[in-house]
Amino acid sequence: MPIIRIIKPNDNTIVGIWKITENLIFFHKSIRLSSISKQLLENRNSRIHKLQFLSVRAILVELGYSDEDLYYKEKRPLLKDGKIISISHSNLFSCVIISDLKVGIDVQENNEKIGRIAKKFIGYETSYLTFDDLNRISIVWNIKESIYKIANTKELDYKTHSLVIPFNLCDNFTYSWLIYKKLKERYASYFLKIENYSFAYLIHTNDE
């Protein structure tokens, strides 16, 4: 059986998390793909990339959508009903967030590499964490990756344009900010760990 977690942080938002335990045959029998998606799937070379692609569509079905409801514009995922969608996958996990608000989501498999690259994306956050604090550094990375997806600009600098308010791992929540040119937005930032994977999903707040 598929392992899936559904989270509803508010009335306007839903999150789906899927652990890939199935094979390609299972997904092919369970999901109806559009002709465009069939071609996109065919273009993916590795088995894991195909499974990630299909598991995202499986999440959509669990959340009341179909593959045909999803399309891409300039590589950005969109839904035909106008709701905001964000997608992420890492090895054996895939996740999706859908909302009426600006949202972003990220999952990463945790390893020591995050500590080696931390200086590239941590700026303000050095005021409350050290570079050997790998668990919190991983969450900061998840959050900043989610901000990057919301901002949708290649010019965004992780160190200077996004910041994460101090948090404890047991809180599973903090706030984060996007500060870029004339744009200043605050996000309710939720995070969690499942096995050796860290997740974060962000929701734009209107009370900054």
N, C-alpha and C. Protein backbone atom coordinates (compact mmCIF):
# COMPACT_ATOMS: atom_id res chain seq x y z
N MET A 1 0.84 -1.20 0.00
CA MET A 1 0.00 0.00 0.00
C MET A 1 0.87 1.25 0.00
N PRO A 2 0.45 2.28 -0.72
CA PRO A 2 1.20 3.54 -0.70
C PRO A 2 1.15 4.17 0.69
N ILE A 3 2.22 4.86 1.03
CA ILE A 3 2.28 5.57 2.31
C ILE A 3 2.12 7.05 2.00
N ILE A 4 1.04 7.64 2.47
CA ILE A 4 0.76 9.04 2.14
C ILE A 4 0.28 9.77 3.39
N ARG A 5 0.71 11.00 3.52
CA ARG A 5 0.25 11.84 4.63
C ARG A 5 -0.44 13.06 4.06
N ILE A 6 -1.62 13.35 4.56
CA ILE A 6 -2.37 14.53 4.15
C ILE A 6 -2.39 15.51 5.32
N ILE A 7 -1.99 16.75 5.06
CA ILE A 7 -1.95 17.80 6.08
C ILE A 7 -2.79 18.97 5.60
N LYS A 8 -3.63 19.50 6.49
CA LYS A 8 -4.45 20.67 6.16
C LYS A 8 -4.13 21.78 7.16
N PRO A 9 -3.11 22.60 6.87
CA PRO A 9 -2.72 23.65 7.81
C PRO A 9 -3.75 24.76 7.97
N ASN A 10 -4.61 24.96 6.97
CA ASN A 10 -5.71 25.92 7.08
C ASN A 10 -6.80 25.54 6.08
N ASP A 11 -7.87 26.31 6.07
CA ASP A 11 -9.01 25.97 5.22
C ASP A 11 -8.71 26.12 3.73
N ASN A 12 -7.65 26.85 3.40
CA ASN A 12 -7.35 27.14 2.00
C ASN A 12 -6.20 26.31 1.44
N THR A 13 -5.60 25.44 2.26
CA THR A 13 -4.35 24.80 1.88
C THR A 13 -4.37 23.32 2.22
N ILE A 14 -3.77 22.50 1.34
CA ILE A 14 -3.63 21.07 1.61
C ILE A 14 -2.27 20.60 1.12
N VAL A 15 -1.68 19.70 1.89
CA VAL A 15 -0.35 19.15 1.58
C VAL A 15 -0.46 17.64 1.48
N GLY A 16 0.19 17.06 0.47
CA GLY A 16 0.26 15.61 0.33
C GLY A 16 1.70 15.14 0.28
N ILE A 17 2.02 14.12 1.05
CA ILE A 17 3.38 13.55 1.08
C ILE A 17 3.28 12.06 0.75
N TRP A 18 4.09 11.62 -0.18
CA TRP A 18 4.05 10.23 -0.63
C TRP A 18 5.43 9.59 -0.49
N LYS A 19 5.49 8.43 0.14
CA LYS A 19 6.71 7.63 0.15
C LYS A 19 6.59 6.57 -0.95
N ILE A 20 7.56 6.56 -1.84
CA ILE A 20 7.50 5.64 -2.99
C ILE A 20 7.92 4.24 -2.56
N THR A 21 6.96 3.35 -2.47
CA THR A 21 7.23 1.95 -2.20
C THR A 21 6.75 1.08 -3.36
N GLU A 22 6.15 1.70 -4.37
CA GLU A 22 5.53 0.99 -5.47
C GLU A 22 6.48 0.91 -6.67
N ASN A 23 6.15 0.04 -7.62
CA ASN A 23 6.92 -0.04 -8.86
C ASN A 23 6.18 0.69 -9.98
N LEU A 24 6.80 0.75 -11.13
CA LEU A 24 6.21 1.48 -12.25
C LEU A 24 4.88 0.86 -12.70
N ILE A 25 4.79 -0.45 -12.62
CA ILE A 25 3.55 -1.13 -13.04
C ILE A 25 2.37 -0.66 -12.20
N PHE A 26 2.58 -0.53 -10.88
CA PHE A 26 1.51 -0.06 -10.00
C PHE A 26 0.98 1.29 -10.46
N PHE A 27 1.88 2.23 -10.71
CA PHE A 27 1.46 3.58 -11.09
C PHE A 27 0.79 3.59 -12.46
N HIS A 28 1.33 2.82 -13.39
CA HIS A 28 0.72 2.79 -14.72
C HIS A 28 -0.71 2.26 -14.67
N LYS A 29 -0.98 1.34 -13.75
CA LYS A 29 -2.33 0.80 -13.61
C LYS A 29 -3.25 1.76 -12.85
N SER A 30 -2.67 2.62 -12.03
CA SER A 30 -3.46 3.44 -11.12
C SER A 30 -3.75 4.85 -11.64
N ILE A 31 -2.93 5.33 -12.57
CA ILE A 31 -3.01 6.74 -12.96
C ILE A 31 -3.24 6.86 -14.47
N ARG A 32 -4.17 7.71 -14.83
CA ARG A 32 -4.41 7.99 -16.25
C ARG A 32 -3.63 9.25 -16.62
N LEU A 33 -2.72 9.12 -17.57
CA LEU A 33 -1.87 10.24 -17.98
C LEU A 33 -2.36 10.83 -19.30
N SER A 34 -2.23 12.15 -19.42
CA SER A 34 -2.50 12.82 -20.68
C SER A 34 -1.40 12.47 -21.68
N SER A 35 -1.62 12.75 -22.94
CA SER A 35 -0.60 12.47 -23.96
C SER A 35 0.66 13.28 -23.71
N ILE A 36 0.50 14.52 -23.19
CA ILE A 36 1.66 15.34 -22.89
C ILE A 36 2.47 14.72 -21.75
N SER A 37 1.78 14.26 -20.71
CA SER A 37 2.47 13.65 -19.57
C SER A 37 3.15 12.34 -19.96
N LYS A 38 2.53 11.59 -20.85
CA LYS A 38 3.15 10.35 -21.32
C LYS A 38 4.48 10.64 -21.99
N GLN A 39 4.53 11.72 -22.76
CA GLN A 39 5.78 12.09 -23.43
C GLN A 39 6.81 12.59 -22.42
N LEU A 40 6.34 13.39 -21.44
CA LEU A 40 7.25 13.87 -20.40
C LEU A 40 7.84 12.70 -19.61
N LEU A 41 7.00 11.72 -19.32
CA LEU A 41 7.47 10.54 -18.59
C LEU A 41 8.49 9.77 -19.42
N GLU A 42 8.22 9.64 -20.70
CA GLU A 42 9.12 8.91 -21.59
C GLU A 42 10.49 9.59 -21.66
N ASN A 43 10.51 10.90 -21.53
CA ASN A 43 11.76 11.66 -21.62
C ASN A 43 12.65 11.51 -20.39
N ARG A 44 12.08 10.99 -19.30
CA ARG A 44 12.87 10.78 -18.09
C ARG A 44 13.63 9.47 -18.19
N ASN A 45 14.94 9.54 -18.00
CA ASN A 45 15.79 8.39 -18.27
C ASN A 45 15.85 7.39 -17.12
N SER A 46 15.90 7.89 -15.88
CA SER A 46 16.11 6.97 -14.76
C SER A 46 14.79 6.48 -14.19
N ARG A 47 14.84 5.31 -13.59
CA ARG A 47 13.66 4.72 -12.98
C ARG A 47 13.14 5.58 -11.84
N ILE A 48 14.02 6.12 -10.99
CA ILE A 48 13.57 6.90 -9.85
C ILE A 48 12.90 8.19 -10.30
N HIS A 49 13.38 8.80 -11.39
CA HIS A 49 12.75 10.02 -11.89
C HIS A 49 11.36 9.72 -12.44
N LYS A 50 11.21 8.57 -13.05
CA LYS A 50 9.89 8.17 -13.52
C LYS A 50 8.94 7.94 -12.34
N LEU A 51 9.44 7.29 -11.30
CA LEU A 51 8.62 7.05 -10.11
C LEU A 51 8.23 8.35 -9.42
N GLN A 52 9.15 9.29 -9.35
CA GLN A 52 8.84 10.59 -8.76
C GLN A 52 7.75 11.30 -9.56
N PHE A 53 7.89 11.29 -10.86
CA PHE A 53 6.90 11.91 -11.75
C PHE A 53 5.52 11.30 -11.50
N LEU A 54 5.46 9.99 -11.44
CA LEU A 54 4.18 9.31 -11.27
C LEU A 54 3.62 9.48 -9.87
N SER A 55 4.49 9.49 -8.87
CA SER A 55 4.00 9.66 -7.50
C SER A 55 3.39 11.04 -7.28
N VAL A 56 3.91 12.04 -7.96
CA VAL A 56 3.30 13.37 -7.89
C VAL A 56 1.88 13.32 -8.43
N ARG A 57 1.69 12.61 -9.53
CA ARG A 57 0.33 12.47 -10.08
C ARG A 57 -0.56 11.67 -9.14
N ALA A 58 0.03 10.71 -8.44
CA ALA A 58 -0.75 9.94 -7.46
C ALA A 58 -1.21 10.82 -6.31
N ILE A 59 -0.34 11.74 -5.88
CA ILE A 59 -0.73 12.69 -4.83
C ILE A 59 -1.89 13.55 -5.32
N LEU A 60 -1.80 14.03 -6.56
CA LEU A 60 -2.86 14.87 -7.11
C LEU A 60 -4.21 14.15 -7.05
N VAL A 61 -4.21 12.87 -7.38
CA VAL A 61 -5.45 12.10 -7.32
C VAL A 61 -5.97 12.05 -5.88
N GLU A 62 -5.08 11.84 -4.92
CA GLU A 62 -5.48 11.82 -3.51
C GLU A 62 -6.06 13.17 -3.07
N LEU A 63 -5.60 14.25 -3.69
CA LEU A 63 -6.06 15.58 -3.31
C LEU A 63 -7.24 16.06 -4.15
N GLY A 64 -7.79 15.18 -4.98
CA GLY A 64 -8.99 15.51 -5.73
C GLY A 64 -8.75 16.07 -7.12
N TYR A 65 -7.54 15.91 -7.64
CA TYR A 65 -7.20 16.39 -8.98
C TYR A 65 -6.85 15.22 -9.87
N SER A 66 -6.61 15.52 -11.14
CA SER A 66 -6.14 14.52 -12.09
C SER A 66 -4.89 15.05 -12.77
N ASP A 67 -4.23 14.19 -13.50
CA ASP A 67 -3.04 14.61 -14.23
C ASP A 67 -3.36 15.75 -15.20
N GLU A 68 -4.53 15.70 -15.80
CA GLU A 68 -4.89 16.72 -16.79
C GLU A 68 -5.12 18.09 -16.17
N ASP A 69 -5.30 18.15 -14.86
CA ASP A 69 -5.48 19.44 -14.19
C ASP A 69 -4.15 20.19 -14.03
N LEU A 70 -3.04 19.48 -14.21
CA LEU A 70 -1.71 20.07 -14.02
C LEU A 70 -1.08 20.41 -15.36
N TYR A 71 -0.52 21.61 -15.45
CA TYR A 71 0.25 21.97 -16.65
C TYR A 71 1.41 22.87 -16.24
N TYR A 72 2.30 23.11 -17.18
CA TYR A 72 3.50 23.89 -16.88
C TYR A 72 3.61 25.09 -17.83
N LYS A 73 4.05 26.19 -17.26
CA LYS A 73 4.34 27.38 -18.05
C LYS A 73 5.71 27.89 -17.62
N GLU A 74 6.63 27.90 -18.56
CA GLU A 74 8.01 28.27 -18.27
C GLU A 74 8.55 27.46 -17.09
N LYS A 75 8.28 26.17 -17.12
CA LYS A 75 8.74 25.18 -16.14
C LYS A 75 8.09 25.33 -14.76
N ARG A 76 7.11 26.20 -14.63
CA ARG A 76 6.43 26.41 -13.36
C ARG A 76 5.12 25.63 -13.36
N PRO A 77 4.87 24.79 -12.34
CA PRO A 77 3.62 24.03 -12.32
C PRO A 77 2.42 24.92 -12.03
N LEU A 78 1.32 24.67 -12.71
CA LEU A 78 0.09 25.43 -12.54
C LEU A 78 -1.10 24.48 -12.57
N LEU A 79 -2.19 24.91 -11.96
CA LEU A 79 -3.43 24.14 -11.99
C LEU A 79 -4.49 24.88 -12.79
N LYS A 80 -5.30 24.13 -13.48
CA LYS A 80 -6.31 24.74 -14.34
C LYS A 80 -7.38 25.50 -13.56
N ASP A 81 -7.59 25.15 -12.28
CA ASP A 81 -8.60 25.86 -11.49
C ASP A 81 -8.06 27.15 -10.88
N GLY A 82 -6.81 27.48 -11.15
CA GLY A 82 -6.24 28.75 -10.68
C GLY A 82 -5.59 28.69 -9.32
N LYS A 83 -5.70 27.58 -8.61
CA LYS A 83 -5.03 27.47 -7.31
C LYS A 83 -3.52 27.39 -7.50
N ILE A 84 -2.80 27.75 -6.44
CA ILE A 84 -1.35 27.72 -6.48
C ILE A 84 -0.86 26.33 -6.09
N ILE A 85 0.12 25.81 -6.83
CA ILE A 85 0.68 24.50 -6.54
C ILE A 85 2.20 24.58 -6.50
N SER A 86 2.79 23.82 -5.60
CA SER A 86 4.24 23.67 -5.55
C SER A 86 4.54 22.19 -5.37
N ILE A 87 5.64 21.73 -5.98
CA ILE A 87 5.96 20.31 -6.04
C ILE A 87 7.43 20.12 -5.68
N SER A 88 7.72 19.03 -4.97
CA SER A 88 9.12 18.68 -4.69
C SER A 88 9.25 17.18 -4.56
N HIS A 89 10.45 16.67 -4.85
CA HIS A 89 10.74 15.26 -4.63
C HIS A 89 12.23 15.08 -4.39
N SER A 90 12.54 14.06 -3.61
CA SER A 90 13.92 13.72 -3.31
C SER A 90 13.99 12.22 -3.08
N ASN A 91 14.67 11.54 -3.97
CA ASN A 91 14.82 10.10 -3.88
C ASN A 91 13.46 9.43 -3.71
N LEU A 92 13.13 8.91 -2.52
CA LEU A 92 11.92 8.10 -2.35
C LEU A 92 10.71 8.87 -1.84
N PHE A 93 10.80 10.18 -1.73
CA PHE A 93 9.66 10.97 -1.26
C PHE A 93 9.28 12.04 -2.28
N SER A 94 7.98 12.22 -2.43
CA SER A 94 7.44 13.31 -3.24
C SER A 94 6.41 14.06 -2.40
N CYS A 95 6.24 15.34 -2.67
CA CYS A 95 5.26 16.12 -1.92
C CYS A 95 4.69 17.24 -2.78
N VAL A 96 3.46 17.62 -2.45
CA VAL A 96 2.72 18.65 -3.19
C VAL A 96 1.98 19.51 -2.19
N ILE A 97 1.94 20.81 -2.44
CA ILE A 97 1.08 21.71 -1.68
C ILE A 97 0.21 22.48 -2.65
N ILE A 98 -1.08 22.63 -2.30
CA ILE A 98 -2.05 23.36 -3.12
C ILE A 98 -2.78 24.34 -2.23
N SER A 99 -2.95 25.58 -2.70
CA SER A 99 -3.58 26.61 -1.87
C SER A 99 -4.14 27.73 -2.72
N ASP A 100 -5.01 28.54 -2.09
CA ASP A 100 -5.44 29.80 -2.69
C ASP A 100 -4.39 30.87 -2.51
N LEU A 101 -3.43 30.64 -1.60
CA LEU A 101 -2.39 31.60 -1.25
C LEU A 101 -1.07 31.24 -1.92
N LYS A 102 -0.11 32.15 -1.86
CA LYS A 102 1.24 31.82 -2.35
C LYS A 102 1.84 30.76 -1.45
N VAL A 103 2.34 29.68 -2.05
CA VAL A 103 2.90 28.58 -1.27
C VAL A 103 4.14 28.01 -1.96
N GLY A 104 4.97 27.34 -1.17
CA GLY A 104 6.12 26.62 -1.69
C GLY A 104 6.38 25.42 -0.81
N ILE A 105 7.00 24.39 -1.38
CA ILE A 105 7.29 23.17 -0.61
C ILE A 105 8.63 22.60 -1.05
N ASP A 106 9.31 21.93 -0.11
CA ASP A 106 10.58 21.30 -0.45
C ASP A 106 10.82 20.09 0.43
N VAL A 107 11.40 19.05 -0.15
CA VAL A 107 11.85 17.87 0.60
C VAL A 107 13.28 17.58 0.17
N GLN A 108 14.11 17.19 1.13
CA GLN A 108 15.48 16.82 0.85
C GLN A 108 15.87 15.62 1.70
N GLU A 109 16.63 14.71 1.09
CA GLU A 109 17.23 13.64 1.88
C GLU A 109 18.45 14.23 2.59
N ASN A 110 18.53 14.03 3.89
CA ASN A 110 19.57 14.67 4.68
C ASN A 110 20.89 13.90 4.63
N ASN A 111 21.99 14.65 4.50
CA ASN A 111 23.32 14.07 4.58
C ASN A 111 24.30 15.19 4.95
N GLU A 112 25.56 14.84 5.13
CA GLU A 112 26.55 15.80 5.61
C GLU A 112 26.89 16.87 4.58
N LYS A 113 26.52 16.67 3.34
CA LYS A 113 26.82 17.66 2.30
C LYS A 113 26.22 19.01 2.63
N ILE A 114 25.08 19.01 3.31
CA ILE A 114 24.41 20.28 3.62
C ILE A 114 25.30 21.19 4.45
N GLY A 115 26.11 20.61 5.33
CA GLY A 115 27.02 21.41 6.14
C GLY A 115 28.13 22.03 5.30
N ARG A 116 28.54 21.32 4.26
CA ARG A 116 29.64 21.82 3.43
C ARG A 116 29.21 22.98 2.54
N ILE A 117 27.93 23.03 2.20
CA ILE A 117 27.47 24.11 1.32
C ILE A 117 26.71 25.20 2.07
N ALA A 118 26.61 25.06 3.41
CA ALA A 118 25.78 25.97 4.20
C ALA A 118 26.17 27.44 4.02
N LYS A 119 27.46 27.72 3.88
CA LYS A 119 27.90 29.11 3.75
C LYS A 119 27.37 29.78 2.49
N LYS A 120 26.91 28.99 1.55
CA LYS A 120 26.38 29.55 0.31
C LYS A 120 24.96 30.07 0.45
N PHE A 121 24.23 29.61 1.49
CA PHE A 121 22.83 30.04 1.60
C PHE A 121 22.46 30.60 2.97
N ILE A 122 23.34 30.50 3.96
CA ILE A 122 23.03 31.01 5.29
C ILE A 122 23.69 32.37 5.49
N GLY A 123 22.88 33.36 5.83
CA GLY A 123 23.38 34.70 6.11
C GLY A 123 22.96 35.13 7.50
N TYR A 124 21.80 35.76 7.57
CA TYR A 124 21.23 36.20 8.86
C TYR A 124 21.19 35.06 9.87
N GLU A 125 20.99 33.85 9.43
CA GLU A 125 20.77 32.70 10.32
C GLU A 125 22.00 32.36 11.17
N THR A 126 23.17 32.88 10.81
CA THR A 126 24.36 32.64 11.64
C THR A 126 24.23 33.32 13.00
N SER A 127 23.24 34.18 13.17
CA SER A 127 23.03 34.83 14.46
C SER A 127 22.49 33.86 15.50
N TYR A 128 21.96 32.71 15.06
CA TYR A 128 21.39 31.77 16.02
C TYR A 128 21.77 30.31 15.79
N LEU A 129 22.51 30.00 14.73
CA LEU A 129 22.95 28.62 14.57
C LEU A 129 24.39 28.56 14.08
N THR A 130 25.04 27.42 14.28
CA THR A 130 26.41 27.21 13.85
C THR A 130 26.42 26.22 12.69
N PHE A 131 27.53 26.14 12.00
CA PHE A 131 27.58 25.33 10.78
C PHE A 131 27.66 23.83 11.06
N ASP A 132 27.76 23.44 12.33
CA ASP A 132 27.68 22.01 12.64
C ASP A 132 26.29 21.59 13.11
N ASP A 133 25.35 22.54 13.09
CA ASP A 133 23.97 22.27 13.48
C ASP A 133 23.20 21.78 12.24
N LEU A 134 23.54 20.55 11.82
CA LEU A 134 23.07 20.07 10.52
C LEU A 134 21.56 19.91 10.44
N ASN A 135 20.91 19.54 11.53
CA ASN A 135 19.46 19.36 11.49
C ASN A 135 18.74 20.67 11.20
N ARG A 136 19.14 21.73 11.89
CA ARG A 136 18.48 23.02 11.64
C ARG A 136 18.94 23.62 10.30
N ILE A 137 20.18 23.39 9.93
CA ILE A 137 20.65 23.87 8.62
C ILE A 137 19.82 23.24 7.50
N SER A 138 19.49 21.96 7.66
CA SER A 138 18.68 21.28 6.65
C SER A 138 17.30 21.92 6.53
N ILE A 139 16.72 22.28 7.67
CA ILE A 139 15.41 22.94 7.64
C ILE A 139 15.50 24.32 6.99
N VAL A 140 16.55 25.06 7.32
CA VAL A 140 16.75 26.37 6.68
C VAL A 140 16.84 26.21 5.16
N TRP A 141 17.56 25.19 4.72
CA TRP A 141 17.66 24.94 3.27
C TRP A 141 16.28 24.65 2.68
N ASN A 142 15.51 23.78 3.33
CA ASN A 142 14.14 23.49 2.86
C ASN A 142 13.33 24.76 2.73
N ILE A 143 13.40 25.60 3.74
CA ILE A 143 12.59 26.83 3.75
C ILE A 143 13.04 27.77 2.64
N LYS A 144 14.35 27.93 2.48
CA LYS A 144 14.84 28.86 1.46
C LYS A 144 14.59 28.34 0.05
N GLU A 145 14.64 27.02 -0.12
CA GLU A 145 14.26 26.45 -1.41
C GLU A 145 12.79 26.73 -1.71
N SER A 146 11.95 26.65 -0.69
CA SER A 146 10.53 26.94 -0.87
C SER A 146 10.31 28.41 -1.22
N ILE A 147 11.07 29.30 -0.58
CA ILE A 147 10.98 30.72 -0.90
C ILE A 147 11.38 30.97 -2.35
N TYR A 148 12.43 30.30 -2.78
CA TYR A 148 12.91 30.44 -4.16
C TYR A 148 11.81 30.05 -5.15
N LYS A 149 11.08 28.98 -4.84
CA LYS A 149 10.00 28.56 -5.73
C LYS A 149 8.88 29.59 -5.76
N ILE A 150 8.59 30.19 -4.61
CA ILE A 150 7.54 31.22 -4.56
C ILE A 150 7.97 32.45 -5.35
N ALA A 151 9.21 32.89 -5.15
CA ALA A 151 9.71 34.10 -5.81
C ALA A 151 9.79 33.93 -7.32
N ASN A 152 10.15 32.73 -7.77
CA ASN A 152 10.20 32.41 -9.20
C ASN A 152 11.09 33.38 -9.98
N THR A 153 12.27 33.66 -9.42
CA THR A 153 13.24 34.48 -10.13
C THR A 153 14.63 33.91 -9.94
N LYS A 154 15.39 33.81 -11.00
CA LYS A 154 16.74 33.27 -10.92
C LYS A 154 17.71 34.24 -10.25
N GLU A 155 17.30 35.49 -10.09
CA GLU A 155 18.18 36.50 -9.49
C GLU A 155 18.19 36.44 -7.97
N LEU A 156 17.33 35.62 -7.39
CA LEU A 156 17.23 35.57 -5.94
C LEU A 156 18.52 35.02 -5.32
N ASP A 157 19.05 35.72 -4.33
CA ASP A 157 20.22 35.27 -3.58
C ASP A 157 19.75 34.73 -2.24
N TYR A 158 20.06 33.46 -1.98
CA TYR A 158 19.56 32.81 -0.78
C TYR A 158 20.03 33.50 0.51
N LYS A 159 21.26 34.03 0.49
CA LYS A 159 21.83 34.60 1.71
C LYS A 159 21.23 35.95 2.04
N THR A 160 20.96 36.76 1.03
CA THR A 160 20.56 38.14 1.29
C THR A 160 19.08 38.43 1.04
N HIS A 161 18.42 37.63 0.23
CA HIS A 161 17.02 37.91 -0.12
C HIS A 161 16.01 37.07 0.65
N SER A 162 16.49 36.07 1.39
CA SER A 162 15.57 35.24 2.19
C SER A 162 16.17 35.04 3.56
N LEU A 163 15.32 35.05 4.57
CA LEU A 163 15.80 34.82 5.94
C LEU A 163 14.78 34.03 6.73
N VAL A 164 15.30 33.27 7.69
CA VAL A 164 14.48 32.37 8.50
C VAL A 164 14.60 32.80 9.96
N ILE A 165 13.46 33.07 10.57
CA ILE A 165 13.43 33.51 11.96
C ILE A 165 13.88 32.36 12.87
N PRO A 166 14.59 32.66 14.00
CA PRO A 166 15.07 31.60 14.89
C PRO A 166 13.97 30.60 15.28
N PHE A 167 14.35 29.34 15.37
CA PHE A 167 13.39 28.29 15.69
C PHE A 167 14.08 27.14 16.41
N ASN A 168 13.27 26.33 17.08
CA ASN A 168 13.71 25.07 17.66
C ASN A 168 13.09 23.93 16.86
N LEU A 169 13.80 22.83 16.76
CA LEU A 169 13.31 21.71 15.97
C LEU A 169 11.99 21.17 16.50
N CYS A 170 11.78 21.23 17.80
CA CYS A 170 10.55 20.71 18.39
C CYS A 170 9.34 21.58 18.08
N ASP A 171 9.56 22.81 17.61
CA ASP A 171 8.45 23.71 17.31
C ASP A 171 7.71 23.31 16.04
N ASN A 172 8.45 22.78 15.06
CA ASN A 172 7.88 22.44 13.75
C ASN A 172 7.28 23.63 13.03
N PHE A 173 7.66 24.84 13.46
CA PHE A 173 7.09 26.05 12.85
C PHE A 173 8.01 27.24 13.11
N THR A 174 8.08 28.12 12.12
CA THR A 174 8.73 29.41 12.29
C THR A 174 8.16 30.36 11.24
N TYR A 175 8.72 31.54 11.15
CA TYR A 175 8.38 32.46 10.07
C TYR A 175 9.62 32.68 9.21
N SER A 176 9.39 32.99 7.97
CA SER A 176 10.49 33.34 7.08
C SER A 176 10.07 34.52 6.21
N TRP A 177 11.07 35.15 5.63
CA TRP A 177 10.83 36.37 4.85
C TRP A 177 11.50 36.30 3.49
N LEU A 178 10.82 36.85 2.51
CA LEU A 178 11.40 37.16 1.21
C LEU A 178 11.53 38.67 1.12
N ILE A 179 12.76 39.16 0.99
CA ILE A 179 13.01 40.59 0.86
C ILE A 179 13.81 40.80 -0.40
N TYR A 180 13.14 41.23 -1.45
CA TYR A 180 13.77 41.30 -2.77
C TYR A 180 13.26 42.53 -3.52
N LYS A 181 14.17 43.48 -3.77
CA LYS A 181 13.81 44.75 -4.40
C LYS A 181 12.67 45.40 -3.60
N LYS A 182 11.52 45.66 -4.20
CA LYS A 182 10.42 46.30 -3.48
C LYS A 182 9.47 45.29 -2.84
N LEU A 183 9.80 44.02 -2.99
CA LEU A 183 8.93 42.97 -2.46
C LEU A 183 9.38 42.56 -1.07
N LYS A 184 8.43 42.51 -0.13
CA LYS A 184 8.69 42.06 1.23
C LYS A 184 7.50 41.23 1.68
N GLU A 185 7.71 39.91 1.79
CA GLU A 185 6.63 39.00 2.14
C GLU A 185 7.04 38.10 3.30
N ARG A 186 6.08 37.81 4.18
CA ARG A 186 6.31 36.89 5.29
C ARG A 186 5.54 35.60 5.05
N TYR A 187 6.16 34.48 5.45
CA TYR A 187 5.56 33.17 5.24
C TYR A 187 5.49 32.38 6.55
N ALA A 188 4.33 31.83 6.83
CA ALA A 188 4.23 30.81 7.88
C ALA A 188 4.98 29.59 7.36
N SER A 189 5.97 29.14 8.13
CA SER A 189 6.89 28.11 7.64
C SER A 189 6.83 26.87 8.54
N TYR A 190 6.25 25.82 8.01
CA TYR A 190 6.09 24.56 8.74
C TYR A 190 7.17 23.59 8.30
N PHE A 191 7.66 22.78 9.23
CA PHE A 191 8.68 21.81 8.86
C PHE A 191 8.49 20.53 9.66
N LEU A 192 9.01 19.42 9.11
CA LEU A 192 8.92 18.13 9.76
C LEU A 192 9.98 17.20 9.20
N LYS A 193 10.22 16.11 9.92
CA LYS A 193 11.13 15.08 9.44
C LYS A 193 10.40 13.76 9.37
N ILE A 194 10.66 13.02 8.30
CA ILE A 194 10.19 11.64 8.16
C ILE A 194 11.40 10.82 7.76
N GLU A 195 11.74 9.85 8.59
CA GLU A 195 12.94 9.05 8.36
C GLU A 195 14.14 10.00 8.21
N ASN A 196 14.92 9.85 7.15
CA ASN A 196 16.09 10.72 6.98
C ASN A 196 15.82 11.85 5.99
N TYR A 197 14.59 12.31 5.94
CA TYR A 197 14.20 13.38 5.03
C TYR A 197 13.63 14.55 5.83
N SER A 198 13.94 15.75 5.40
CA SER A 198 13.35 16.94 6.00
C SER A 198 12.44 17.61 4.98
N PHE A 199 11.35 18.17 5.49
CA PHE A 199 10.34 18.81 4.66
C PHE A 199 10.06 20.21 5.21
N ALA A 200 9.72 21.12 4.33
CA ALA A 200 9.18 22.41 4.75
C ALA A 200 8.12 22.82 3.75
N TYR A 201 7.05 23.44 4.26
CA TYR A 201 6.07 24.04 3.36
C TYR A 201 5.69 25.41 3.90
N LEU A 202 5.61 26.37 3.00
CA LEU A 202 5.43 27.78 3.33
C LEU A 202 4.11 28.30 2.79
N ILE A 203 3.49 29.17 3.59
CA ILE A 203 2.22 29.80 3.21
C ILE A 203 2.34 31.30 3.44
N HIS A 204 2.04 32.07 2.43
CA HIS A 204 2.11 33.53 2.55
C HIS A 204 1.09 34.03 3.56
N THR A 205 1.54 34.90 4.45
CA THR A 205 0.63 35.51 5.42
C THR A 205 0.34 36.94 5.01
N ASN A 206 -0.85 37.41 5.35
CA ASN A 206 -1.27 38.75 4.95
C ASN A 206 -1.14 39.75 6.09
N ASP A 207 -0.50 39.35 7.20
CA ASP A 207 -0.47 40.21 8.39
C ASP A 207 0.93 40.72 8.71
N GLU A 208 1.83 40.75 7.70
CA GLU A 208 3.17 41.26 8.00
C GLU A 208 3.15 42.76 8.22
